[in-house]
Amino acid sequence: MEVSVPRLLANPARLEALSRTGLLDDAPEEAFAWFTRLVRLCLHVPVSMVTLVTEDRQVFKGQQGHPEPWRSLGETPLSYSFCQYVVATDATLVVDDAAAHPIGAENLAVQDFGVAAYLGTPIRTPDGLVVGALCAVDGESRDWADHEIAMLQTIAEGVSREVGDRLRVAGGATA
């Protein structure tokens, strides 16, 4: 992917908003786990996550089906992250065959977790800053249908509203 991912992830306004949510260093929450259960049911995938992406890690605020030890750790380094590209590009990422995709070649999730297909879409603050991704992961390659992409994007709007609520409570959102 032809973007400067580290530079885009280091956006100070994005990192400040992410910090203000208060979500980075506390435990996963039921509100976010609910969204991941919904994704698994709607898209028929074994794994779904709500991730918040910093400069060097992705934190799981909600997750279903993620393997150990990462489930207990609640985060991975970016070397395991497809979600970082969603954040960096502010766009839905559709990966039908991770092993054949340019960003899948060096992604440790492909070999260590058996990620074969990935669908992720941005989680935004009310100000439009992308702080993470809602994603669906499959252990088999698949062609993501347009209605599946639309479904994930719609569910992500709910996750974004939840993040916005956290910012409003913290006094940090303008919308």
C-alpha atoms as a PDB file:
ATOM      1  CA  MET A   1       0.000   0.000   0.000  1.00  0.00           C
ATOM      2  CA  GLU A   2       1.467   3.333  -1.076  1.00  0.00           C
ATOM      3  CA  VAL A   3       0.877   5.379   2.065  1.00  0.00           C
ATOM      4  CA  SER A   4       3.271   6.496   4.757  1.00  0.00           C
ATOM      5  CA  VAL A   5       1.572   4.520   7.493  1.00  0.00           C
ATOM      6  CA  PRO A   6       3.877   5.558  10.379  1.00  0.00           C
ATOM      7  CA  ARG A   7       3.518   9.249   9.490  1.00  0.00           C
ATOM      8  CA  LEU A   8      -0.271   9.033   9.266  1.00  0.00           C
ATOM      9  CA  LEU A   9      -0.555   7.068  12.499  1.00  0.00           C
ATOM     10  CA  ALA A  10       1.538   9.722  14.265  1.00  0.00           C
ATOM     11  CA  ASN A  11      -0.951  12.525  13.522  1.00  0.00           C
ATOM     12  CA  PRO A  12      -0.909  14.524  16.808  1.00  0.00           C
ATOM     13  CA  ALA A  13      -4.604  15.478  16.638  1.00  0.00           C
ATOM     14  CA  ARG A  14      -5.576  11.841  16.090  1.00  0.00           C
ATOM     15  CA  LEU A  15      -3.405  10.623  18.965  1.00  0.00           C
ATOM     16  CA  GLU A  16      -4.731  13.351  21.283  1.00  0.00           C
ATOM     17  CA  ALA A  17      -8.326  12.404  20.492  1.00  0.00           C
ATOM     18  CA  LEU A  18      -7.506   8.734  21.035  1.00  0.00           C
ATOM     19  CA  SER A  19      -5.960   9.558  24.405  1.00  0.00           C
ATOM     20  CA  ARG A  20      -8.957  11.693  25.427  1.00  0.00           C
ATOM     21  CA  THR A  21     -11.327   8.756  24.886  1.00  0.00           C
ATOM     22  CA  GLY A  22      -9.810   7.123  27.983  1.00  0.00           C
ATOM     23  CA  LEU A  23     -10.135   3.758  26.259  1.00  0.00           C
ATOM     24  CA  LEU A  24      -6.523   2.796  25.593  1.00  0.00           C
ATOM     25  CA  ASP A  25      -5.291   1.332  28.825  1.00  0.00           C
ATOM     26  CA  ASP A  26      -8.361  -0.112  30.477  1.00  0.00           C
ATOM     27  CA  ALA A  27     -10.017  -3.494  30.020  1.00  0.00           C
ATOM     28  CA  PRO A  28     -12.196  -4.502  27.076  1.00  0.00           C
ATOM     29  CA  GLU A  29     -15.779  -3.334  27.512  1.00  0.00           C
ATOM     30  CA  GLU A  30     -19.142  -4.992  26.991  1.00  0.00           C
ATOM     31  CA  ALA A  31     -20.370  -2.095  24.844  1.00  0.00           C
ATOM     32  CA  PHE A  32     -17.667  -2.850  22.284  1.00  0.00           C
ATOM     33  CA  ALA A  33     -17.894  -6.638  22.668  1.00  0.00           C
ATOM     34  CA  TRP A  34     -21.569  -6.362  21.704  1.00  0.00           C
ATOM     35  CA  PHE A  35     -20.581  -4.854  18.346  1.00  0.00           C
ATOM     36  CA  THR A  36     -18.079  -7.659  17.698  1.00  0.00           C
ATOM     37  CA  ARG A  37     -20.726 -10.306  18.455  1.00  0.00           C
ATOM     38  CA  LEU A  38     -23.038  -8.570  15.996  1.00  0.00           C
ATOM     39  CA  VAL A  39     -20.328  -8.598  13.306  1.00  0.00           C
ATOM     40  CA  ARG A  40     -19.681 -12.322  13.808  1.00  0.00           C
ATOM     41  CA  LEU A  41     -23.373 -13.124  13.537  1.00  0.00           C
ATOM     42  CA  CYS A  42     -24.040 -10.915  10.516  1.00  0.00           C
ATOM     43  CA  LEU A  43     -20.923 -11.745   8.509  1.00  0.00           C
ATOM     44  CA  HIS A  44     -20.453 -15.369   9.619  1.00  0.00           C
ATOM     45  CA  VAL A  45     -16.805 -14.929  10.595  1.00  0.00           C
ATOM     46  CA  PRO A  46     -14.864 -16.576  13.420  1.00  0.00           C
ATOM     47  CA  VAL A  47     -13.129 -13.369  14.539  1.00  0.00           C
ATOM     48  CA  SER A  48     -14.224  -9.771  14.963  1.00  0.00           C
ATOM     49  CA  MET A  49     -12.513  -6.909  16.771  1.00  0.00           C
ATOM     50  CA  VAL A  50     -12.888  -3.270  17.707  1.00  0.00           C
ATOM     51  CA  THR A  51      -9.338  -1.952  17.615  1.00  0.00           C
ATOM     52  CA  LEU A  52      -7.857   1.374  18.646  1.00  0.00           C
ATOM     53  CA  VAL A  53      -4.602   2.059  16.823  1.00  0.00           C
ATOM     54  CA  THR A  54      -1.686   3.995  18.319  1.00  0.00           C
ATOM     55  CA  GLU A  55       1.726   4.625  16.763  1.00  0.00           C
ATOM     56  CA  ASP A  56       3.001   1.200  17.810  1.00  0.00           C
ATOM     57  CA  ARG A  57       0.125  -1.092  18.789  1.00  0.00           C
ATOM     58  CA  GLN A  58      -3.508  -1.968  18.302  1.00  0.00           C
ATOM     59  CA  VAL A  59      -5.641  -2.285  21.422  1.00  0.00           C
ATOM     60  CA  PHE A  60      -8.718  -4.536  21.442  1.00  0.00           C
ATOM     61  CA  LYS A  61     -11.688  -2.818  23.089  1.00  0.00           C
ATOM     62  CA  GLY A  62     -13.967  -5.623  22.002  1.00  0.00           C
ATOM     63  CA  GLN A  63     -13.103  -8.960  20.476  1.00  0.00           C
ATOM     64  CA  GLN A  64     -14.624 -12.292  19.648  1.00  0.00           C
ATOM     65  CA  GLY A  65     -12.671 -15.356  18.573  1.00  0.00           C
ATOM     66  CA  HIS A  66      -9.160 -13.894  18.841  1.00  0.00           C
ATOM     67  CA  PRO A  67      -6.486 -16.495  19.730  1.00  0.00           C
ATOM     68  CA  GLU A  68      -4.408 -16.617  22.883  1.00  0.00           C
ATOM     69  CA  PRO A  69      -2.174 -15.114  24.090  1.00  0.00           C
ATOM     70  CA  TRP A  70      -3.425 -11.978  22.322  1.00  0.00           C
ATOM     71  CA  ARG A  71      -6.976 -12.308  23.645  1.00  0.00           C
ATOM     72  CA  SER A  72      -5.691 -12.048  27.230  1.00  0.00           C
ATOM     73  CA  LEU A  73      -3.089  -9.416  26.397  1.00  0.00           C
ATOM     74  CA  GLY A  74      -5.744  -7.261  24.741  1.00  0.00           C
ATOM     75  CA  GLU A  75      -3.383  -5.854  22.132  1.00  0.00           C
ATOM     76  CA  THR A  76      -0.803  -6.663  19.480  1.00  0.00           C
ATOM     77  CA  PRO A  77       2.128  -4.803  17.966  1.00  0.00           C
ATOM     78  CA  LEU A  78       1.412  -3.275  14.556  1.00  0.00           C
ATOM     79  CA  SER A  79       3.310  -6.118  12.874  1.00  0.00           C
ATOM     80  CA  TYR A  80       0.057  -8.099  13.371  1.00  0.00           C
ATOM     81  CA  SER A  81      -2.256  -5.292  12.292  1.00  0.00           C
ATOM     82  CA  PHE A  82      -4.313  -4.888   9.153  1.00  0.00           C
ATOM     83  CA  CYS A  83      -6.321  -2.245  11.030  1.00  0.00           C
ATOM     84  CA  GLN A  84      -3.410   0.202  10.872  1.00  0.00           C
ATOM     85  CA  TYR A  85      -4.032   0.547   7.122  1.00  0.00           C
ATOM     86  CA  VAL A  86      -7.692   1.345   7.708  1.00  0.00           C
ATOM     87  CA  VAL A  87      -6.621   4.126  10.087  1.00  0.00           C
ATOM     88  CA  ALA A  88      -3.838   5.419   7.834  1.00  0.00           C
ATOM     89  CA  THR A  89      -6.023   5.585   4.719  1.00  0.00           C
ATOM     90  CA  ASP A  90      -9.348   6.507   6.395  1.00  0.00           C
ATOM     91  CA  ALA A  91     -10.953   3.886   4.175  1.00  0.00           C
ATOM     92  CA  THR A  92     -12.491   0.450   4.329  1.00  0.00           C
ATOM     93  CA  LEU A  93      -9.926  -2.254   3.621  1.00  0.00           C
ATOM     94  CA  VAL A  94     -11.110  -5.351   1.766  1.00  0.00           C
ATOM     95  CA  VAL A  95      -8.676  -8.273   1.661  1.00  0.00           C
ATOM     96  CA  ASP A  96     -10.081 -11.382   0.005  1.00  0.00           C
ATOM     97  CA  ASP A  97      -6.858 -13.413   0.122  1.00  0.00           C
ATOM     98  CA  ALA A  98      -4.403 -12.137   2.731  1.00  0.00           C
ATOM     99  CA  ALA A  99      -1.484 -14.327   1.588  1.00  0.00           C
ATOM    100  CA  ALA A 100      -1.714 -12.865  -1.928  1.00  0.00           C
ATOM    101  CA  HIS A 101      -2.382  -9.261  -0.842  1.00  0.00           C
ATOM    102  CA  PRO A 102       0.591  -6.840  -0.750  1.00  0.00           C
ATOM    103  CA  ILE A 103       0.086  -5.949   2.933  1.00  0.00           C
ATOM    104  CA  GLY A 104      -0.490  -9.571   3.908  1.00  0.00           C
ATOM    105  CA  ALA A 105       2.925 -10.746   2.740  1.00  0.00           C
ATOM    106  CA  GLU A 106       4.752  -9.394   5.788  1.00  0.00           C
ATOM    107  CA  ASN A 107       1.873  -9.303   8.255  1.00  0.00           C
ATOM    108  CA  LEU A 108       2.509 -11.715  11.128  1.00  0.00           C
ATOM    109  CA  ALA A 109      -1.237 -12.289  11.605  1.00  0.00           C
ATOM    110  CA  VAL A 110      -1.308 -14.239   8.347  1.00  0.00           C
ATOM    111  CA  GLN A 111       1.221 -16.820   9.499  1.00  0.00           C
ATOM    112  CA  ASP A 112       0.672 -16.775  13.282  1.00  0.00           C
ATOM    113  CA  PHE A 113      -3.123 -16.399  13.440  1.00  0.00           C
ATOM    114  CA  GLY A 114      -4.104 -17.931  10.109  1.00  0.00           C
ATOM    115  CA  VAL A 115      -5.740 -14.755   8.805  1.00  0.00           C
ATOM    116  CA  ALA A 116      -6.859 -15.506   5.258  1.00  0.00           C
ATOM    117  CA  ALA A 117      -9.424 -12.736   4.703  1.00  0.00           C
ATOM    118  CA  TYR A 118      -9.904  -9.349   6.365  1.00  0.00           C
ATOM    119  CA  LEU A 119     -12.562  -6.674   6.171  1.00  0.00           C
ATOM    120  CA  GLY A 120     -12.083  -3.509   8.228  1.00  0.00           C
ATOM    121  CA  THR A 121     -13.672  -0.085   8.312  1.00  0.00           C
ATOM    122  CA  PRO A 122     -12.827   3.134  10.187  1.00  0.00           C
ATOM    123  CA  ILE A 123     -13.963   4.123  13.655  1.00  0.00           C
ATOM    124  CA  ARG A 124     -14.131   7.916  13.758  1.00  0.00           C
ATOM    125  CA  THR A 125     -14.449  10.596  16.402  1.00  0.00           C
ATOM    126  CA  PRO A 126     -17.250  13.171  15.977  1.00  0.00           C
ATOM    127  CA  ASP A 127     -14.575  15.447  14.492  1.00  0.00           C
ATOM    128  CA  GLY A 128     -13.829  12.859  11.793  1.00  0.00           C
ATOM    129  CA  LEU A 129     -10.475  11.615  13.105  1.00  0.00           C
ATOM    130  CA  VAL A 130      -9.927   7.887  12.573  1.00  0.00           C
ATOM    131  CA  VAL A 131      -8.883   6.284  15.853  1.00  0.00           C
ATOM    132  CA  GLY A 132      -9.375   2.621  15.041  1.00  0.00           C
ATOM    133  CA  ALA A 133     -11.204  -0.006  13.046  1.00  0.00           C
ATOM    134  CA  LEU A 134     -14.042  -2.463  13.290  1.00  0.00           C
ATOM    135  CA  CYS A 135     -12.986  -5.622  11.532  1.00  0.00           C
ATOM    136  CA  ALA A 136     -14.073  -9.081  10.499  1.00  0.00           C
ATOM    137  CA  VAL A 137     -11.510 -11.843   9.988  1.00  0.00           C
ATOM    138  CA  ASP A 138     -11.875 -15.231   8.336  1.00  0.00           C
ATOM    139  CA  GLY A 139      -9.523 -18.199   8.347  1.00  0.00           C
ATOM    140  CA  GLU A 140     -10.397 -18.923   4.723  1.00  0.00           C
ATOM    141  CA  SER A 141     -10.103 -16.680   1.686  1.00  0.00           C
ATOM    142  CA  ARG A 142     -13.420 -15.191   0.659  1.00  0.00           C
ATOM    143  CA  ASP A 143     -14.915 -12.647  -1.660  1.00  0.00           C
ATOM    144  CA  TRP A 144     -16.514 -10.020   0.572  1.00  0.00           C
ATOM    145  CA  ALA A 145     -19.914  -9.107  -0.872  1.00  0.00           C
ATOM    146  CA  ASP A 146     -21.030  -5.490  -1.204  1.00  0.00           C
ATOM    147  CA  HIS A 147     -23.813  -6.041   1.332  1.00  0.00           C
ATOM    148  CA  GLU A 148     -21.265  -7.423   3.851  1.00  0.00           C
ATOM    149  CA  ILE A 149     -19.094  -4.341   3.418  1.00  0.00           C
ATOM    150  CA  ALA A 150     -22.138  -2.083   3.870  1.00  0.00           C
ATOM    151  CA  MET A 151     -23.190  -4.045   6.958  1.00  0.00           C
ATOM    152  CA  LEU A 152     -19.764  -3.646   8.587  1.00  0.00           C
ATOM    153  CA  GLN A 153     -19.724   0.072   7.773  1.00  0.00           C
ATOM    154  CA  THR A 154     -23.168   0.496   9.320  1.00  0.00           C
ATOM    155  CA  ILE A 155     -22.175  -1.323  12.508  1.00  0.00           C
ATOM    156  CA  ALA A 156     -19.009   0.812  12.667  1.00  0.00           C
ATOM    157  CA  GLU A 157     -21.198   3.919  12.805  1.00  0.00           C
ATOM    158  CA  GLY A 158     -22.511   2.606  16.126  1.00  0.00           C
ATOM    159  CA  VAL A 159     -18.970   2.013  17.392  1.00  0.00           C
ATOM    160  CA  SER A 160     -18.039   5.559  16.338  1.00  0.00           C
ATOM    161  CA  ARG A 161     -21.029   6.926  18.266  1.00  0.00           C
ATOM    162  CA  GLU A 162     -19.882   5.014  21.351  1.00  0.00           C
ATOM    163  CA  VAL A 163     -16.383   6.542  21.003  1.00  0.00           C
ATOM    164  CA  GLY A 164     -17.981   9.960  20.531  1.00  0.00           C
ATOM    165  CA  ASP A 165     -19.973   9.486  23.733  1.00  0.00           C
ATOM    166  CA  ARG A 166     -16.722   8.802  25.596  1.00  0.00           C
ATOM    167  CA  LEU A 167     -15.216  12.011  24.228  1.00  0.00           C
ATOM    168  CA  ARG A 168     -18.282  14.045  25.180  1.00  0.00           C
ATOM    169  CA  VAL A 169     -18.157  12.681  28.737  1.00  0.00           C
ATOM    170  CA  ALA A 170     -14.454  13.600  28.831  1.00  0.00           C
ATOM    171  CA  GLY A 171     -15.301  17.067  27.512  1.00  0.00           C
ATOM    172  CA  GLY A 172     -13.277  16.560  24.370  1.00  0.00           C
ATOM    173  CA  ALA A 173     -15.713  16.393  21.468  1.00  0.00           C
ATOM    174  CA  THR A 174     -17.195  19.255  19.526  1.00  0.00           C
ATOM    175  CA  ALA A 175     -19.881  17.390  17.605  1.00  0.00           C
END
